Each structure stands twice: as structure tokens, then as C-alpha cells.
């Protein structure tokens, strides 16, 4: 009985130490990383947590745009702070969730947005890469490569990159996708479909993009009419 009485106090002393260590590990976790795109010319609302002011103590946004830093913060104890330009403000939803509001979002607002939330019992950090969305230009053309004939579907200058596919492939698996990173940060995606010589048909390329509200656009190519190197374009406007 005496041995049992001696061991139990040691266990009681060890437990708080383990709990404290776990708490330190939680506080030192790396920030969560996200990338978000917003349409140019429209208001952007960025949320980094679903926590409400019922348990949050403060929200801090540290913003870096082209090497220029600014800070926006709100707290339950301290007055709000905001030295950012462009009308950026913190707002609250009807149920008390805080979010960052950017009016008339544009390329000028692209940057790294770090959000720190301190709440009762802990803290969390989210680092968000914010980019302006650009819709691509969709076109089709016929190409010759190494003696073979290809019909090419191009979704040029999209941000983020578009997804392209063919409606008709004759069961062929000879499709190659090529992606090019452009100097302005956009991406051009091309799908090359090999077509046998003498093929006379109409093909339809389908492209989808994050900021086409109807989901997808299509461009048709008529192999009976188009000549090698000639292209047909379909600039999708939403």
C-alpha cells in the first residue's frame, strides 16, 4: 500500500509537464498556407477563420504588397489599428466572424496576407497568397509536328490555369497537354490531339475556368475547312 501511495504523486507531477509540452508544440505550428483568386473590379472578402468574437481576443492582418507592409488589427481590449491603403477594412458577419474587405480588387492588391487569430485557449496563423483572376482566351488550330497532324486547343493567358479537353477523341489516347508560364503570371494551357491524315470531321474543345460562372466555354474546329497553322478563336466573356 505504501509503494502505491508513493508512485501516484509522481504520476500527478508528470501529467502537467506533458500537457504543457503539448501546448508549446501547438503554439509553434507552422502557419496554414492558402492561395485565393478574386475577380478584378469586384469587391473581395477574405476570411481566415470561422471563429467569432464570442471566443476571439484579436484579429491581426499583416499585408505585404510588392515589399510594402501594412497592418490591420482589431481587439477586444485595444483600439483598432489600420495603416493600409486602398480602403481595406475589417468587417464582421451577422454571426460575429471577422473578415477582410477589399473594395474594387485589382492587380494592385496582389500580395501575401497573413492573418493571426488569438482566442481563448490558443492561437492560429494563416498565410494567404492573394491573386487577381484572369480569364483565358480560347482558340483552336491545326499543327504539323514530326510529320504528324495535330489539332490544338489553346486556353491562353489564364490565371489560374484553365482545364482543357476534347469532346470527340475517336477513342484515341494520343493527347498531349502543354503548359506555359507567361511573364505576366498567367498560364497558357494547350491540348494537342493527333488526328490521322485524311480525317474530315468537326471537333469541339471544351475549357473550364474558375471565374467562368457558367463553368465552361467551347470552341469548334472543322478539319474540312481549316488549314495548317490557321487558328479560330473564341474569347469567352462572362
Protein backbone atom coordinates (compact mmCIF):
# COMPACT_ATOMS: atom_id res chain seq x y z
CA UNK A 1 0.00 0.00 0.00
CA UNK A 2 2.86 2.40 0.78
CA UNK A 3 4.51 1.76 -2.62
CA UNK A 4 1.27 2.62 -4.42
CA UNK A 5 0.95 5.79 -2.38
CA UNK A 6 4.48 6.89 -3.41
CA UNK A 7 4.00 6.27 -7.19
CA UNK A 8 0.76 8.21 -7.57
CA UNK A 9 2.23 11.61 -6.63
CA UNK A 10 4.96 11.11 -9.26
CA UNK A 11 2.31 10.46 -11.92
CA UNK A 12 0.44 13.57 -10.85
CA UNK A 13 3.60 15.64 -11.20
CA UNK A 14 4.41 14.24 -14.64
CA UNK A 15 0.98 14.87 -16.16
CA UNK A 16 1.07 18.70 -16.05
CA UNK A 17 4.54 18.66 -17.63
CA UNK A 18 3.31 16.56 -20.59
CA UNK A 19 0.30 18.80 -21.08
CA UNK A 20 2.45 21.92 -21.07
CA UNK A 21 4.79 20.42 -23.67
CA UNK A 22 1.88 19.61 -25.97
CA UNK A 23 0.61 23.16 -25.66
CA UNK A 24 4.01 24.54 -26.66
CA UNK A 25 4.07 22.32 -29.74
CA UNK A 26 0.63 23.54 -30.75
CA UNK A 27 1.66 27.18 -30.46
CA UNK A 28 4.77 26.64 -32.62
CA UNK A 29 2.95 25.03 -35.54
CA UNK A 30 3.72 26.45 -38.98
CA UNK A 31 1.04 28.72 -40.45
CA UNK A 32 -1.55 27.21 -42.76
CA UNK A 33 -0.92 28.19 -46.40
CA UNK A 34 -3.66 29.14 -48.87
CA UNK A 35 -3.96 30.71 -52.33
CA UNK A 36 -7.08 32.64 -53.30
CA UNK A 37 -8.12 34.33 -56.54
CA UNK A 38 -10.50 37.27 -56.90
CA UNK A 39 -12.08 38.93 -59.92
CA UNK A 40 -10.70 42.32 -60.90
CA UNK A 41 -13.01 45.27 -60.37
CA UNK A 42 -15.19 43.49 -57.82
CA UNK A 43 -15.10 43.62 -54.02
CA UNK A 44 -13.06 40.86 -52.35
CA UNK A 45 -13.82 39.42 -48.92
CA UNK A 46 -11.11 37.28 -47.33
CA UNK A 47 -11.79 35.10 -44.30
CA UNK A 48 -9.09 33.22 -42.42
CA UNK A 49 -11.13 31.60 -39.64
CA UNK A 50 -14.68 30.73 -38.67
CA UNK A 51 -14.07 31.83 -35.10
CA UNK A 52 -16.35 34.56 -33.83
CA UNK A 53 -15.84 37.35 -31.33
CA UNK A 54 -17.52 35.17 -28.71
CA UNK A 55 -14.16 33.43 -28.14
CA UNK A 56 -11.68 35.52 -30.19
CA UNK A 57 -9.46 38.09 -28.46
CA UNK A 58 -7.96 39.76 -31.52
CA UNK A 59 -7.51 39.51 -35.30
CA UNK A 60 -4.36 40.84 -36.96
CA UNK A 61 -3.79 41.08 -40.72
CA UNK A 62 -0.19 41.65 -41.85
CA UNK A 63 -0.18 42.51 -45.55
CA UNK A 64 2.81 42.60 -47.91
CA UNK A 65 2.22 44.03 -51.39
CA UNK A 66 5.33 44.36 -53.58
CA UNK A 67 7.54 44.68 -50.50
CA UNK A 68 5.36 47.32 -48.81
CA UNK A 69 3.94 46.24 -45.45
CA UNK A 70 0.85 47.40 -43.61
CA UNK A 71 -1.21 46.13 -40.68
CA UNK A 72 -4.88 45.99 -39.73
CA UNK A 73 -5.96 44.78 -36.29
CA UNK A 74 -8.99 44.65 -34.04
CA UNK A 75 -9.07 43.55 -30.42
CA UNK A 76 -11.50 43.13 -27.57
CA UNK A 77 -9.26 45.33 -25.39
CA UNK A 78 -7.26 47.68 -27.63
CA UNK A 79 -8.49 50.26 -30.16
CA UNK A 80 -8.47 49.19 -33.83
CA UNK A 81 -5.41 49.91 -35.98
CA UNK A 82 -5.26 50.32 -39.77
CA UNK A 83 -2.40 51.82 -41.78
CA UNK A 84 -3.28 50.09 -45.06
CA UNK A 85 -4.36 51.94 -48.19
CA UNK A 86 -6.96 51.17 -50.83
CA UNK A 87 -9.93 51.05 -48.48
CA UNK A 88 -9.04 47.74 -46.85
CA UNK A 89 -11.03 47.26 -43.65
CA UNK A 90 -12.06 44.55 -41.21
CA UNK A 91 -15.76 43.73 -41.12
CA UNK A 92 -17.96 41.27 -39.28
CA UNK A 93 -20.63 38.88 -40.47
CA UNK A 94 -24.01 38.82 -38.74
CA UNK A 95 -22.86 35.95 -36.52
CA UNK A 96 -19.64 37.71 -35.47
CA UNK A 97 -17.00 36.26 -37.82
CA UNK A 98 -14.29 38.73 -38.81
CA UNK A 99 -13.15 39.11 -42.44
CA UNK A 100 -11.01 41.45 -44.53
CA UNK A 101 -12.85 43.59 -47.10
CA UNK A 102 -11.07 44.94 -50.21
CA UNK A 103 -13.15 47.23 -52.45
CA UNK A 104 -12.63 47.11 -56.23
CA UNK A 105 -9.97 44.39 -56.09
CA UNK A 106 -7.21 44.59 -58.69
CA UNK A 107 -3.64 43.61 -59.50
CA UNK A 108 -2.55 46.42 -57.16
CA UNK A 109 -3.89 44.32 -54.25
CA UNK A 110 -1.98 41.13 -55.09
CA UNK A 111 0.33 40.04 -52.30
CA UNK A 112 0.78 37.98 -49.14
CA UNK A 113 -1.90 38.34 -46.48
CA UNK A 114 -1.01 36.85 -43.07
CA UNK A 115 -3.86 36.54 -40.59
CA UNK A 116 -3.25 35.93 -36.88
CA UNK A 117 -6.10 34.99 -34.56
CA UNK A 118 -5.72 34.84 -30.80
CA UNK A 119 -8.60 33.21 -28.96
CA UNK A 120 -9.31 31.85 -25.52
CA UNK A 121 -7.13 28.77 -25.30
CA UNK A 122 -4.82 29.26 -28.25
CA UNK A 123 -3.82 30.99 -31.47
CA UNK A 124 -3.58 30.24 -35.16
CA UNK A 125 -1.96 31.81 -38.22
CA UNK A 126 -3.00 31.59 -41.86
CA UNK A 127 -0.83 32.88 -44.72
CA UNK A 128 -2.83 33.59 -47.88
CA UNK A 129 -1.34 34.33 -51.29
CA UNK A 130 -3.89 36.61 -52.97
CA UNK A 131 -4.01 36.89 -56.76
CA UNK A 132 -6.20 38.60 -59.37
CA UNK A 133 -8.01 36.17 -61.65
CA UNK A 134 -7.65 36.49 -65.43
CA UNK A 135 -9.95 34.63 -67.83
CA UNK A 136 -8.16 32.92 -70.74
CA UNK A 137 -8.70 33.31 -74.50
CA UNK A 138 -9.82 30.03 -76.08
CA UNK A 139 -8.80 29.09 -79.62
CA UNK A 140 -8.14 26.06 -81.86
CA UNK A 141 -5.68 25.49 -84.69
CA UNK A 142 -4.11 22.75 -86.80
CA UNK A 143 -0.38 21.99 -86.49
CA UNK A 144 2.19 19.70 -88.15
CA UNK A 145 4.87 18.17 -85.91
CA UNK A 146 7.38 15.47 -86.92
CA UNK A 147 5.27 14.55 -89.92
CA UNK A 148 2.10 14.11 -87.87
CA UNK A 149 -1.01 16.26 -87.85
CA UNK A 150 -2.39 17.67 -84.60
CA UNK A 151 -5.40 19.78 -83.74
CA UNK A 152 -4.53 22.11 -80.87
CA UNK A 153 -6.86 23.64 -78.28
CA UNK A 154 -5.32 26.64 -76.53
CA UNK A 155 -6.57 28.43 -73.40
CA UNK A 156 -4.14 31.35 -73.35
CA UNK A 157 -3.35 33.81 -70.58
CA UNK A 158 -5.46 32.39 -67.75
CA UNK A 159 -4.91 32.86 -64.04
CA UNK A 160 -5.32 30.36 -62.55
CA UNK A 161 -4.73 27.94 -65.40
CA UNK A 162 -7.74 26.65 -67.34
CA UNK A 163 -8.58 22.97 -67.85
CA UNK A 164 -8.98 21.90 -71.48
CA UNK A 165 -10.33 18.71 -73.06
CA UNK A 166 -11.85 17.37 -76.28
CA UNK A 167 -15.43 16.19 -76.72
CA UNK A 168 -14.51 13.86 -79.61
CA UNK A 169 -11.35 11.76 -79.47
CA UNK A 170 -12.30 8.65 -81.50
CA UNK A 171 -11.15 6.58 -78.54
CA UNK A 172 -7.62 7.87 -79.08
CA UNK A 173 -5.27 8.32 -76.15
CA UNK A 174 -2.78 10.34 -78.20
CA UNK A 175 -3.35 13.62 -76.40
CA UNK A 176 -0.53 15.75 -75.02
CA UNK A 177 -1.02 18.69 -72.68
CA UNK A 178 1.48 21.53 -72.65
CA UNK A 179 1.55 24.30 -70.06
CA UNK A 180 3.49 27.57 -70.36
CA UNK A 181 4.06 30.07 -67.56
CA UNK A 182 3.85 33.57 -69.04
CA UNK A 183 5.87 36.58 -67.89
CA UNK A 184 2.76 38.35 -66.54
CA UNK A 185 1.94 35.46 -64.18
CA UNK A 186 -0.74 33.93 -66.39
CA UNK A 187 -0.66 30.38 -67.76
CA UNK A 188 -1.32 29.13 -71.29
CA UNK A 189 -2.58 25.55 -71.48
CA UNK A 190 -2.66 23.64 -74.78
CA UNK A 191 -4.09 20.22 -75.57
CA UNK A 192 -2.58 18.56 -78.67
CA UNK A 193 -4.76 15.83 -80.20
CA UNK A 194 -3.22 13.77 -83.01
CA UNK A 195 -5.56 13.27 -85.96
CA UNK A 196 -4.97 10.71 -88.72
CA UNK A 197 -4.28 12.01 -92.22
CA UNK A 198 -7.38 12.43 -94.30
CA UNK A 199 -9.66 12.90 -91.30
CA UNK A 200 -12.62 15.09 -92.22
CA UNK A 201 -14.62 15.95 -89.14
CA UNK A 202 -15.61 18.66 -86.70
CA UNK A 203 -14.05 18.68 -83.25
CA UNK A 204 -15.03 20.63 -80.16
CA UNK A 205 -12.61 21.76 -77.48
CA UNK A 206 -14.04 22.46 -74.03
CA UNK A 207 -12.29 24.61 -71.44
CA UNK A 208 -13.28 25.36 -67.87
CA UNK A 209 -12.02 28.15 -65.66
CA UNK A 210 -12.54 29.12 -62.05
CA UNK A 211 -14.05 32.50 -62.94
CA UNK A 212 -16.44 31.49 -65.69
CA UNK A 213 -19.71 31.44 -63.78
CA UNK A 214 -21.29 29.10 -66.30
CA UNK A 215 -18.36 26.74 -65.84
CA UNK A 216 -17.06 26.18 -69.36
CA UNK A 217 -16.62 27.55 -72.86
CA UNK A 218 -16.15 25.67 -76.11
CA UNK A 219 -14.50 26.24 -79.48
CA UNK A 220 -15.10 24.13 -82.59
CA UNK A 221 -12.64 23.30 -85.34
CA UNK A 222 -13.73 21.99 -88.76
CA UNK A 223 -10.98 19.84 -90.25
CA UNK A 224 -12.55 20.19 -93.69
CA UNK A 225 -12.05 23.96 -93.71
CA UNK A 226 -9.09 24.90 -91.53
CA UNK A 227 -5.56 24.95 -93.00
CA UNK A 228 -2.34 24.12 -91.17
CA UNK A 229 -1.27 26.95 -88.87
CA UNK A 230 -4.61 28.75 -89.15
CA UNK A 231 -6.49 29.33 -85.91
CA UNK A 232 -10.01 30.10 -84.78
CA UNK A 233 -10.57 31.95 -81.52
CA UNK A 234 -13.40 32.22 -79.04
CA UNK A 235 -12.73 34.93 -76.45
CA UNK A 236 -15.11 33.92 -73.67
CA UNK A 237 -16.78 36.80 -71.89
CA UNK A 238 -18.81 36.16 -68.75
